[in-house]
Amino acid sequence: NILFYGDSNTWGYDPSCGLRYAYEKRWTSVC
């Protein structure tokens, strides 16, 4: 069991639009 504790880059903030990347595109999901 792994907890990823972070900020907007862990949340998945998309700088191109200010929304959130799709779940599968976030680095935590890739991991």
PDB file of all heavy atoms in Angstrom:
ATOM      1  N   ASN A   1       0.822  -1.209   0.000  1.00  0.00           N
ATOM      2  CA  ASN A   1       0.000   0.000   0.000  1.00  0.00           C
ATOM      3  C   ASN A   1       0.859   1.264   0.000  1.00  0.00           C
ATOM      4  O   ASN A   1       1.720   1.435   0.867  1.00  0.00           O
ATOM      5  CB  ASN A   1      -0.922   0.010   1.220  1.00  0.00           C
ATOM      6  CG  ASN A   1      -1.908  -1.129   1.194  1.00  0.00           C
ATOM      7  OD1 ASN A   1      -2.604  -1.351   0.201  1.00  0.00           O
ATOM      8  ND2 ASN A   1      -1.970  -1.892   2.287  1.00  0.00           N
ATOM      9  N   ILE A   2       0.582   2.147  -0.966  1.00  0.00           N
ATOM     10  CA  ILE A   2       1.391   3.352  -1.159  1.00  0.00           C
ATOM     11  C   ILE A   2       0.496   4.586  -1.149  1.00  0.00           C
ATOM     12  O   ILE A   2      -0.482   4.660  -1.897  1.00  0.00           O
ATOM     13  CB  ILE A   2       2.139   3.312  -2.505  1.00  0.00           C
ATOM     14  CG1 ILE A   2       2.899   1.990  -2.671  1.00  0.00           C
ATOM     15  CG2 ILE A   2       3.076   4.505  -2.635  1.00  0.00           C
ATOM     16  CD1 ILE A   2       3.266   1.695  -4.102  1.00  0.00           C
ATOM     17  N   LEU A   3       0.841   5.568  -0.332  1.00  0.00           N
ATOM     18  CA  LEU A   3       0.149   6.858  -0.320  1.00  0.00           C
ATOM     19  C   LEU A   3       1.012   7.884  -1.033  1.00  0.00           C
ATOM     20  O   LEU A   3       2.179   8.076  -0.687  1.00  0.00           O
ATOM     21  CB  LEU A   3      -0.115   7.314   1.113  1.00  0.00           C
ATOM     22  CG  LEU A   3      -0.732   8.704   1.276  1.00  0.00           C
ATOM     23  CD1 LEU A   3      -2.172   8.716   0.759  1.00  0.00           C
ATOM     24  CD2 LEU A   3      -0.689   9.161   2.740  1.00  0.00           C
ATOM     25  N   PHE A   4       0.448   8.551  -2.054  1.00  0.00           N
ATOM     26  CA  PHE A   4       1.132   9.631  -2.757  1.00  0.00           C
ATOM     27  C   PHE A   4       0.612  10.959  -2.225  1.00  0.00           C
ATOM     28  O   PHE A   4      -0.546  11.315  -2.462  1.00  0.00           O
ATOM     29  CB  PHE A   4       0.867   9.546  -4.264  1.00  0.00           C
ATOM     30  CG  PHE A   4       1.413   8.308  -4.914  1.00  0.00           C
ATOM     31  CD1 PHE A   4       0.603   7.202  -5.106  1.00  0.00           C
ATOM     32  CD2 PHE A   4       2.729   8.251  -5.344  1.00  0.00           C
ATOM     33  CE1 PHE A   4       1.095   6.058  -5.717  1.00  0.00           C
ATOM     34  CE2 PHE A   4       3.227   7.116  -5.956  1.00  0.00           C
ATOM     35  CZ  PHE A   4       2.416   6.008  -6.139  1.00  0.00           C
ATOM     36  N   TYR A   5       1.446  11.681  -1.505  1.00  0.00           N
ATOM     37  CA  TYR A   5       1.029  12.919  -0.847  1.00  0.00           C
ATOM     38  C   TYR A   5       1.707  14.098  -1.539  1.00  0.00           C
ATOM     39  O   TYR A   5       2.931  14.241  -1.505  1.00  0.00           O
ATOM     40  CB  TYR A   5       1.435  12.858   0.630  1.00  0.00           C
ATOM     41  CG  TYR A   5       0.816  13.902   1.509  1.00  0.00           C
ATOM     42  CD1 TYR A   5      -0.563  13.933   1.737  1.00  0.00           C
ATOM     43  CD2 TYR A   5       1.596  14.848   2.161  1.00  0.00           C
ATOM     44  CE1 TYR A   5      -1.128  14.878   2.576  1.00  0.00           C
ATOM     45  CE2 TYR A   5       1.046  15.789   3.005  1.00  0.00           C
ATOM     46  CZ  TYR A   5      -0.324  15.800   3.203  1.00  0.00           C
ATOM     47  OH  TYR A   5      -0.888  16.754   4.042  1.00  0.00           O
ATOM     48  N   GLY A   6       0.894  14.949  -2.194  1.00  0.00           N
ATOM     49  CA  GLY A   6       1.495  16.027  -2.965  1.00  0.00           C
ATOM     50  C   GLY A   6       0.576  17.203  -3.196  1.00  0.00           C
ATOM     51  O   GLY A   6      -0.456  17.361  -2.529  1.00  0.00           O
ATOM     52  N   ASP A   7       0.948  18.006  -4.190  1.00  0.00           N
ATOM     53  CA  ASP A   7       0.202  19.227  -4.506  1.00  0.00           C
ATOM     54  C   ASP A   7      -0.531  19.073  -5.836  1.00  0.00           C
ATOM     55  O   ASP A   7      -0.990  17.990  -6.184  1.00  0.00           O
ATOM     56  CB  ASP A   7       1.142  20.441  -4.484  1.00  0.00           C
ATOM     57  CG  ASP A   7       2.367  20.255  -5.388  1.00  0.00           C
ATOM     58  OD1 ASP A   7       2.280  19.485  -6.366  1.00  0.00           O
ATOM     59  OD2 ASP A   7       3.403  20.892  -5.121  1.00  0.00           O
ATOM     60  N   SER A   8      -0.621  20.159  -6.596  1.00  0.00           N
ATOM     61  CA  SER A   8      -1.407  20.130  -7.833  1.00  0.00           C
ATOM     62  C   SER A   8      -0.811  19.208  -8.894  1.00  0.00           C
ATOM     63  O   SER A   8      -1.538  18.690  -9.745  1.00  0.00           O
ATOM     64  CB  SER A   8      -1.539  21.552  -8.406  1.00  0.00           C
ATOM     65  OG  SER A   8      -0.273  22.172  -8.530  1.00  0.00           O
ATOM     66  N   ASN A   9       0.485  18.982  -8.864  1.00  0.00           N
ATOM     67  CA  ASN A   9       1.070  18.061  -9.826  1.00  0.00           C
ATOM     68  C   ASN A   9       0.743  16.607  -9.493  1.00  0.00           C
ATOM     69  O   ASN A   9       0.772  15.753 -10.370  1.00  0.00           O
ATOM     70  CB  ASN A   9       2.586  18.270  -9.937  1.00  0.00           C
ATOM     71  CG  ASN A   9       2.939  19.367 -10.920  1.00  0.00           C
ATOM     72  OD1 ASN A   9       2.281  19.530 -11.946  1.00  0.00           O
ATOM     73  ND2 ASN A   9       3.975  20.135 -10.612  1.00  0.00           N
ATOM     74  N   THR A  10       0.443  16.333  -8.243  1.00  0.00           N
ATOM     75  CA  THR A  10      -0.049  15.009  -7.858  1.00  0.00           C
ATOM     76  C   THR A  10      -1.558  14.927  -8.103  1.00  0.00           C
ATOM     77  O   THR A  10      -2.080  13.874  -8.481  1.00  0.00           O
ATOM     78  CB  THR A  10       0.283  14.720  -6.382  1.00  0.00           C
ATOM     79  OG1 THR A  10       1.706  14.717  -6.219  1.00  0.00           O
ATOM     80  CG2 THR A  10      -0.271  13.370  -5.930  1.00  0.00           C
ATOM     81  N   TRP A  11      -2.245  16.035  -7.916  1.00  0.00           N
ATOM     82  CA  TRP A  11      -3.683  16.098  -8.202  1.00  0.00           C
ATOM     83  C   TRP A  11      -3.954  15.916  -9.691  1.00  0.00           C
ATOM     84  O   TRP A  11      -4.954  15.323 -10.091  1.00  0.00           O
ATOM     85  CB  TRP A  11      -4.223  17.446  -7.717  1.00  0.00           C
ATOM     86  CG  TRP A  11      -5.684  17.676  -7.889  1.00  0.00           C
ATOM     87  CD1 TRP A  11      -6.696  17.214  -7.082  1.00  0.00           C
ATOM     88  CD2 TRP A  11      -6.318  18.451  -8.924  1.00  0.00           C
ATOM     89  NE1 TRP A  11      -7.914  17.642  -7.546  1.00  0.00           N
ATOM     90  CE2 TRP A  11      -7.713  18.421  -8.683  1.00  0.00           C
ATOM     91  CE3 TRP A  11      -5.851  19.167 -10.016  1.00  0.00           C
ATOM     92  CZ2 TRP A  11      -8.631  19.065  -9.492  1.00  0.00           C
ATOM     93  CZ3 TRP A  11      -6.760  19.821 -10.830  1.00  0.00           C
ATOM     94  CH2 TRP A  11      -8.134  19.759 -10.563  1.00  0.00           C
ATOM     95  N   GLY A  12      -3.063  16.452 -10.533  1.00  0.00           N
ATOM     96  CA  GLY A  12      -3.198  16.293 -11.973  1.00  0.00           C
ATOM     97  C   GLY A  12      -3.621  17.551 -12.710  1.00  0.00           C
ATOM     98  O   GLY A  12      -4.328  17.485 -13.716  1.00  0.00           O
ATOM     99  N   TYR A  13      -3.150  18.706 -12.254  1.00  0.00           N
ATOM    100  CA  TYR A  13      -3.523  19.985 -12.855  1.00  0.00           C
ATOM    101  C   TYR A  13      -2.984  20.105 -14.280  1.00  0.00           C
ATOM    102  O   TYR A  13      -1.793  19.900 -14.530  1.00  0.00           O
ATOM    103  CB  TYR A  13      -2.983  21.123 -11.986  1.00  0.00           C
ATOM    104  CG  TYR A  13      -3.365  22.513 -12.436  1.00  0.00           C
ATOM    105  CD1 TYR A  13      -4.470  23.154 -11.887  1.00  0.00           C
ATOM    106  CD2 TYR A  13      -2.604  23.192 -13.390  1.00  0.00           C
ATOM    107  CE1 TYR A  13      -4.818  24.443 -12.279  1.00  0.00           C
ATOM    108  CE2 TYR A  13      -2.942  24.468 -13.795  1.00  0.00           C
ATOM    109  CZ  TYR A  13      -4.046  25.096 -13.237  1.00  0.00           C
ATOM    110  OH  TYR A  13      -4.385  26.367 -13.630  1.00  0.00           O
ATOM    111  N   ASP A  14      -3.869  20.461 -15.205  1.00  0.00           N
ATOM    112  CA  ASP A  14      -3.504  20.628 -16.607  1.00  0.00           C
ATOM    113  C   ASP A  14      -3.259  22.109 -16.881  1.00  0.00           C
ATOM    114  O   ASP A  14      -4.199  22.909 -16.883  1.00  0.00           O
ATOM    115  CB  ASP A  14      -4.627  20.103 -17.506  1.00  0.00           C
ATOM    116  CG  ASP A  14      -4.306  20.188 -18.996  1.00  0.00           C
ATOM    117  OD1 ASP A  14      -3.332  20.856 -19.367  1.00  0.00           O
ATOM    118  OD2 ASP A  14      -5.055  19.578 -19.788  1.00  0.00           O
ATOM    119  N   PRO A  15      -2.005  22.528 -17.122  1.00  0.00           N
ATOM    120  CA  PRO A  15      -1.710  23.953 -17.311  1.00  0.00           C
ATOM    121  C   PRO A  15      -2.308  24.551 -18.578  1.00  0.00           C
ATOM    122  O   PRO A  15      -2.404  25.780 -18.694  1.00  0.00           O
ATOM    123  CB  PRO A  15      -0.179  23.993 -17.360  1.00  0.00           C
ATOM    124  CG  PRO A  15       0.210  22.635 -17.847  1.00  0.00           C
ATOM    125  CD  PRO A  15      -0.795  21.701 -17.243  1.00  0.00           C
ATOM    126  N   SER A  16      -2.736  23.718 -19.500  1.00  0.00           N
ATOM    127  CA  SER A  16      -3.285  24.242 -20.753  1.00  0.00           C
ATOM    128  C   SER A  16      -4.712  24.748 -20.600  1.00  0.00           C
ATOM    129  O   SER A  16      -5.183  25.545 -21.411  1.00  0.00           O
ATOM    130  CB  SER A  16      -3.243  23.167 -21.851  1.00  0.00           C
ATOM    131  OG  SER A  16      -4.159  22.123 -21.567  1.00  0.00           O
ATOM    132  N   CYS A  17      -5.400  24.302 -19.536  1.00  0.00           N
ATOM    133  CA  CYS A  17      -6.804  24.698 -19.382  1.00  0.00           C
ATOM    134  C   CYS A  17      -7.217  24.941 -17.933  1.00  0.00           C
ATOM    135  O   CYS A  17      -8.320  25.450 -17.682  1.00  0.00           O
ATOM    136  CB  CYS A  17      -7.724  23.638 -19.993  1.00  0.00           C
ATOM    137  SG  CYS A  17      -7.583  22.024 -19.209  1.00  0.00           S
ATOM    138  N   GLY A  18      -6.372  24.592 -16.973  1.00  0.00           N
ATOM    139  CA  GLY A  18      -6.705  24.791 -15.569  1.00  0.00           C
ATOM    140  C   GLY A  18      -7.593  23.717 -14.988  1.00  0.00           C
ATOM    141  O   GLY A  18      -7.992  23.809 -13.817  1.00  0.00           O
ATOM    142  N   LEU A  19      -7.915  22.700 -15.778  1.00  0.00           N
ATOM    143  CA  LEU A  19      -8.728  21.588 -15.285  1.00  0.00           C
ATOM    144  C   LEU A  19      -7.813  20.436 -14.876  1.00  0.00           C
ATOM    145  O   LEU A  19      -6.608  20.605 -14.744  1.00  0.00           O
ATOM    146  CB  LEU A  19      -9.724  21.165 -16.366  1.00  0.00           C
ATOM    147  CG  LEU A  19     -10.686  22.266 -16.835  1.00  0.00           C
ATOM    148  CD1 LEU A  19     -11.577  21.738 -17.951  1.00  0.00           C
ATOM    149  CD2 LEU A  19     -11.527  22.779 -15.658  1.00  0.00           C
ATOM    150  N   ARG A  20      -8.399  19.275 -14.712  1.00  0.00           N
ATOM    151  CA  ARG A  20      -7.639  18.114 -14.243  1.00  0.00           C
ATOM    152  C   ARG A  20      -7.444  17.123 -15.378  1.00  0.00           C
ATOM    153  O   ARG A  20      -8.377  16.819 -16.122  1.00  0.00           O
ATOM    154  CB  ARG A  20      -8.397  17.441 -13.084  1.00  0.00           C
ATOM    155  CG  ARG A  20      -7.581  16.478 -12.254  1.00  0.00           C
ATOM    156  CD  ARG A  20      -8.426  15.948 -11.098  1.00  0.00           C
ATOM    157  NE  ARG A  20      -7.601  15.256 -10.108  1.00  0.00           N
ATOM    158  CZ  ARG A  20      -8.077  14.664  -9.017  1.00  0.00           C
ATOM    159  NH1 ARG A  20      -9.387  14.695  -8.783  1.00  0.00           N
ATOM    160  NH2 ARG A  20      -7.275  14.060  -8.174  1.00  0.00           N
ATOM    161  N   TYR A  21      -6.224  16.602 -15.492  1.00  0.00           N
ATOM    162  CA  TYR A  21      -5.993  15.562 -16.476  1.00  0.00           C
ATOM    163  C   TYR A  21      -6.896  14.360 -16.196  1.00  0.00           C
ATOM    164  O   TYR A  21      -7.252  14.085 -15.040  1.00  0.00           O
ATOM    165  CB  TYR A  21      -4.542  15.075 -16.413  1.00  0.00           C
ATOM    166  CG  TYR A  21      -3.524  15.995 -17.032  1.00  0.00           C
ATOM    167  CD1 TYR A  21      -2.542  16.598 -16.251  1.00  0.00           C
ATOM    168  CD2 TYR A  21      -3.514  16.244 -18.397  1.00  0.00           C
ATOM    169  CE1 TYR A  21      -1.580  17.428 -16.819  1.00  0.00           C
ATOM    170  CE2 TYR A  21      -2.559  17.082 -18.975  1.00  0.00           C
ATOM    171  CZ  TYR A  21      -1.601  17.668 -18.177  1.00  0.00           C
ATOM    172  OH  TYR A  21      -0.655  18.503 -18.743  1.00  0.00           O
ATOM    173  N   ALA A  22      -7.263  13.649 -17.238  1.00  0.00           N
ATOM    174  CA  ALA A  22      -8.014  12.409 -17.068  1.00  0.00           C
ATOM    175  C   ALA A  22      -7.239  11.479 -16.137  1.00  0.00           C
ATOM    176  O   ALA A  22      -6.000  11.502 -16.095  1.00  0.00           O
ATOM    177  CB  ALA A  22      -8.244  11.740 -18.416  1.00  0.00           C
ATOM    178  N   TYR A  23      -7.956  10.669 -15.417  1.00  0.00           N
ATOM    179  CA  TYR A  23      -7.353   9.812 -14.393  1.00  0.00           C
ATOM    180  C   TYR A  23      -6.140   9.047 -14.922  1.00  0.00           C
ATOM    181  O   TYR A  23      -5.077   9.003 -14.299  1.00  0.00           O
ATOM    182  CB  TYR A  23      -8.401   8.837 -13.861  1.00  0.00           C
ATOM    183  CG  TYR A  23      -7.864   7.862 -12.845  1.00  0.00           C
ATOM    184  CD1 TYR A  23      -7.725   8.231 -11.503  1.00  0.00           C
ATOM    185  CD2 TYR A  23      -7.464   6.581 -13.231  1.00  0.00           C
ATOM    186  CE1 TYR A  23      -7.213   7.342 -10.575  1.00  0.00           C
ATOM    187  CE2 TYR A  23      -6.945   5.693 -12.304  1.00  0.00           C
ATOM    188  CZ  TYR A  23      -6.820   6.076 -10.977  1.00  0.00           C
ATOM    189  OH  TYR A  23      -6.300   5.185 -10.067  1.00  0.00           O
ATOM    190  N   GLU A  24      -6.290   8.444 -16.094  1.00  0.00           N
ATOM    191  CA  GLU A  24      -5.239   7.576 -16.607  1.00  0.00           C
ATOM    192  C   GLU A  24      -3.998   8.337 -17.069  1.00  0.00           C
ATOM    193  O   GLU A  24      -2.945   7.738 -17.289  1.00  0.00           O
ATOM    194  CB  GLU A  24      -5.766   6.728 -17.774  1.00  0.00           C
ATOM    195  CG  GLU A  24      -6.158   7.506 -19.010  1.00  0.00           C
ATOM    196  CD  GLU A  24      -7.572   8.070 -18.974  1.00  0.00           C
ATOM    197  OE1 GLU A  24      -8.222   7.977 -17.898  1.00  0.00           O
ATOM    198  OE2 GLU A  24      -8.025   8.592 -20.006  1.00  0.00           O
ATOM    199  N   LYS A  25      -4.098   9.670 -17.188  1.00  0.00           N
ATOM    200  CA  LYS A  25      -2.970  10.465 -17.656  1.00  0.00           C
ATOM    201  C   LYS A  25      -2.115  11.026 -16.516  1.00  0.00           C
ATOM    202  O   LYS A  25      -1.032  11.551 -16.769  1.00  0.00           O
ATOM    203  CB  LYS A  25      -3.470  11.613 -18.529  1.00  0.00           C
ATOM    204  CG  LYS A  25      -4.111  11.147 -19.831  1.00  0.00           C
ATOM    205  CD  LYS A  25      -4.568  12.320 -20.674  1.00  0.00           C
ATOM    206  CE  LYS A  25      -5.184  11.851 -21.986  1.00  0.00           C
ATOM    207  NZ  LYS A  25      -5.650  12.977 -22.824  1.00  0.00           N
ATOM    208  N   ARG A  26      -2.574  10.931 -15.285  1.00  0.00           N
ATOM    209  CA  ARG A  26      -1.830  11.474 -14.150  1.00  0.00           C
ATOM    210  C   ARG A  26      -0.654  10.562 -13.805  1.00  0.00           C
ATOM    211  O   ARG A  26      -0.734   9.343 -13.948  1.00  0.00           O
ATOM    212  CB  ARG A  26      -2.745  11.617 -12.939  1.00  0.00           C
ATOM    213  CG  ARG A  26      -3.967  12.486 -13.207  1.00  0.00           C
ATOM    214  CD  ARG A  26      -4.981  12.383 -12.087  1.00  0.00           C
ATOM    215  NE  ARG A  26      -6.305  12.754 -12.574  1.00  0.00           N
ATOM    216  CZ  ARG A  26      -7.439  12.439 -11.953  1.00  0.00           C
ATOM    217  NH1 ARG A  26      -7.410  11.761 -10.813  1.00  0.00           N
ATOM    218  NH2 ARG A  26      -8.593  12.806 -12.486  1.00  0.00           N
ATOM    219  N   TRP A  27       0.420  11.141 -13.322  1.00  0.00           N
ATOM    220  CA  TRP A  27       1.619  10.341 -13.062  1.00  0.00           C
ATOM    221  C   TRP A  27       1.381   9.268 -12.021  1.00  0.00           C
ATOM    222  O   TRP A  27       1.988   8.178 -12.101  1.00  0.00           O
ATOM    223  CB  TRP A  27       2.806  11.228 -12.695  1.00  0.00           C
ATOM    224  CG  TRP A  27       2.803  11.873 -11.335  1.00  0.00           C
ATOM    225  CD1 TRP A  27       2.400  13.134 -11.027  1.00  0.00           C
ATOM    226  CD2 TRP A  27       3.270  11.296 -10.115  1.00  0.00           C
ATOM    227  NE1 TRP A  27       2.566  13.380  -9.680  1.00  0.00           N
ATOM    228  CE2 TRP A  27       3.104  12.273  -9.106  1.00  0.00           C
ATOM    229  CE3 TRP A  27       3.814  10.056  -9.771  1.00  0.00           C
ATOM    230  CZ2 TRP A  27       3.463  12.037  -7.764  1.00  0.00           C
ATOM    231  CZ3 TRP A  27       4.169   9.817  -8.439  1.00  0.00           C
ATOM    232  CH2 TRP A  27       3.998  10.803  -7.457  1.00  0.00           C
ATOM    233  N   THR A  28       0.517   9.532 -11.061  1.00  0.00           N
ATOM    234  CA  THR A  28       0.217   8.507 -10.065  1.00  0.00           C
ATOM    235  C   THR A  28      -0.486   7.311 -10.702  1.00  0.00           C
ATOM    236  O   THR A  28      -0.239   6.159 -10.316  1.00  0.00           O
ATOM    237  CB  THR A  28      -0.649   9.088  -8.946  1.00  0.00           C
ATOM    238  OG1 THR A  28      -1.791   9.753  -9.521  1.00  0.00           O
ATOM    239  CG2 THR A  28       0.128  10.096  -8.111  1.00  0.00           C
ATOM    240  N   SER A  29      -1.348   7.570 -11.670  1.00  0.00           N
ATOM    241  CA  SER A  29      -2.051   6.488 -12.357  1.00  0.00           C
ATOM    242  C   SER A  29      -1.112   5.728 -13.295  1.00  0.00           C
ATOM    243  O   SER A  29      -1.198   4.500 -13.419  1.00  0.00           O
ATOM    244  CB  SER A  29      -3.237   7.047 -13.154  1.00  0.00           C
ATOM    245  OG  SER A  29      -4.125   7.749 -12.313  1.00  0.00           O
ATOM    246  N   VAL A  30      -0.232   6.463 -13.956  1.00  0.00           N
ATOM    247  CA  VAL A  30       0.774   5.815 -14.801  1.00  0.00           C
ATOM    248  C   VAL A  30       1.632   4.884 -13.946  1.00  0.00           C
ATOM    249  O   VAL A  30       1.909   3.738 -14.319  1.00  0.00           O
ATOM    250  CB  VAL A  30       1.656   6.873 -15.499  1.00  0.00           C
ATOM    251  CG1 VAL A  30       2.816   6.212 -16.237  1.00  0.00           C
ATOM    252  CG2 VAL A  30       0.823   7.714 -16.455  1.00  0.00           C
ATOM    253  N   CYS A  31       2.028   5.381 -12.801  1.00  0.00           N
ATOM    254  CA  CYS A  31       2.820   4.593 -11.868  1.00  0.00           C
ATOM    255  C   CYS A  31       2.068   3.336 -11.440  1.00  0.00           C
ATOM    256  O   CYS A  31       2.614   2.229 -11.456  1.00  0.00           O
ATOM    257  CB  CYS A  31       3.175   5.449 -10.653  1.00  0.00           C
ATOM    258  SG  CYS A  31       4.140   4.616  -9.383  1.00  0.00           S
TER     259      CYS A  31
END
